[in-house]
């Protein structure tokens, strides 16, 4: 980043977003952009992402989340912006909320 303060994006996608490669789609975009954070399935059927980096890179990641991979149908994305807190580490896929994880 060129002197820009990092920010935090928290986004949860709803719709047909599990079982379609959504987390890997987000992982590729985030890793390519050099973002820190994670993406995981949620028990309610959504996919949650927390990422930190430049605002421009996070805006691009948000566009990736809103579009989803082929086969996904994103009906809504709950978005929250905030100050970066650090400590997330390189972008990963987390497991938690889905029995198939």
Protein backbone atom coordinates (compact mmCIF):
# COMPACT_ATOMS: atom_id res chain seq x y z
CA UNK A 1 0.00 0.00 0.00
CA UNK A 2 1.25 3.44 -0.80
CA UNK A 3 0.89 5.19 2.55
CA UNK A 4 -2.82 4.46 2.57
CA UNK A 5 -4.23 3.24 5.88
CA UNK A 6 -5.62 -0.28 5.63
CA UNK A 7 -9.33 -0.78 6.19
CA UNK A 8 -11.52 -3.75 7.08
CA UNK A 9 -14.36 -5.27 5.06
CA UNK A 10 -16.88 -7.63 6.61
CA UNK A 11 -19.28 -9.07 4.04
CA UNK A 12 -21.83 -11.87 4.24
CA UNK A 13 -23.34 -13.16 1.00
CA UNK A 14 -26.75 -14.82 0.95
CA UNK A 15 -28.48 -16.88 -1.71
CA UNK A 16 -27.18 -20.04 -3.36
CA UNK A 17 -23.62 -19.50 -2.17
CA UNK A 18 -22.64 -22.82 -0.58
CA UNK A 19 -21.64 -25.87 -2.60
CA UNK A 20 -20.72 -23.81 -5.67
CA UNK A 21 -17.03 -23.03 -5.03
CA UNK A 22 -17.79 -19.63 -3.54
CA UNK A 23 -15.09 -19.70 -0.85
CA UNK A 24 -12.40 -20.71 -3.36
CA UNK A 25 -13.58 -17.98 -5.72
CA UNK A 26 -13.14 -15.40 -2.93
CA UNK A 27 -9.84 -16.93 -1.80
CA UNK A 28 -8.30 -16.60 -5.28
CA UNK A 29 -9.34 -12.95 -5.59
CA UNK A 30 -8.16 -12.04 -2.09
CA UNK A 31 -4.84 -13.87 -2.38
CA UNK A 32 -4.14 -12.28 -5.76
CA UNK A 33 -4.78 -8.85 -4.23
CA UNK A 34 -2.52 -9.61 -1.23
CA UNK A 35 -5.31 -9.19 1.31
CA UNK A 36 -5.34 -10.61 4.82
CA UNK A 37 -8.38 -12.37 6.25
CA UNK A 38 -10.66 -15.35 5.80
CA UNK A 39 -13.84 -16.65 4.19
CA UNK A 40 -16.11 -19.38 5.59
CA UNK A 41 -19.54 -20.97 5.31
CA UNK A 42 -22.08 -19.94 7.92
CA UNK A 43 -24.74 -22.19 9.53
CA UNK A 44 -27.53 -20.11 7.98
CA UNK A 45 -26.37 -20.95 4.45
CA UNK A 46 -24.45 -17.73 3.86
CA UNK A 47 -20.77 -17.15 3.24
CA UNK A 48 -18.94 -14.66 5.48
CA UNK A 49 -15.72 -12.87 4.59
CA UNK A 50 -13.52 -10.66 6.73
CA UNK A 51 -10.62 -8.99 4.94
CA UNK A 52 -8.17 -6.15 5.48
CA UNK A 53 -6.07 -4.16 3.05
CA UNK A 54 -6.36 -1.14 0.80
CA UNK A 55 -9.82 0.27 0.14
CA UNK A 56 -9.37 -0.22 -3.63
CA UNK A 57 -8.43 -3.90 -3.25
CA UNK A 58 -11.33 -4.49 -0.88
CA UNK A 59 -13.78 -2.77 -3.25
CA UNK A 60 -12.62 -5.19 -5.96
CA UNK A 61 -13.05 -8.12 -3.56
CA UNK A 62 -16.55 -6.92 -2.72
CA UNK A 63 -17.42 -6.87 -6.44
CA UNK A 64 -16.16 -10.47 -6.65
CA UNK A 65 -18.38 -11.43 -3.70
CA UNK A 66 -21.41 -9.68 -5.17
CA UNK A 67 -20.96 -11.45 -8.52
CA UNK A 68 -20.10 -14.87 -7.11
CA UNK A 69 -18.65 -17.74 -9.11
CA UNK A 70 -20.50 -19.53 -11.94
CA UNK A 71 -23.33 -21.53 -10.39
CA UNK A 72 -23.88 -19.14 -7.48
CA UNK A 73 -26.92 -16.93 -7.10
CA UNK A 74 -26.13 -14.02 -4.77
CA UNK A 75 -29.38 -12.46 -3.55
CA UNK A 76 -27.86 -10.02 -1.06
CA UNK A 77 -24.58 -9.00 0.56
CA UNK A 78 -24.50 -7.48 4.05
CA UNK A 79 -21.49 -5.13 4.09
CA UNK A 80 -19.70 -3.39 6.96
CA UNK A 81 -16.61 -1.19 6.66
CA UNK A 82 -14.28 -0.31 9.51
CA UNK A 83 -10.72 0.35 10.56
CA UNK A 84 -8.26 -2.49 10.13
CA UNK A 85 -7.39 -4.22 13.38
CA UNK A 86 -4.48 -6.34 12.09
CA UNK A 87 -3.67 -9.86 13.11
CA UNK A 88 -5.70 -11.65 10.44
CA UNK A 89 -2.74 -13.12 8.58
CA UNK A 90 -2.65 -14.33 4.98
CA UNK A 91 -6.07 -15.01 3.47
CA UNK A 92 -7.47 -18.48 4.23
CA UNK A 93 -10.62 -20.55 4.02
CA UNK A 94 -12.04 -21.18 7.46
CA UNK A 95 -14.41 -23.93 8.48
CA UNK A 96 -17.10 -23.58 11.01
CA UNK A 97 -20.70 -23.40 10.09
CA UNK A 98 -21.32 -26.08 7.52
CA UNK A 99 -21.37 -29.79 8.33
CA UNK A 100 -19.51 -30.50 5.09
CA UNK A 101 -16.52 -28.37 6.08
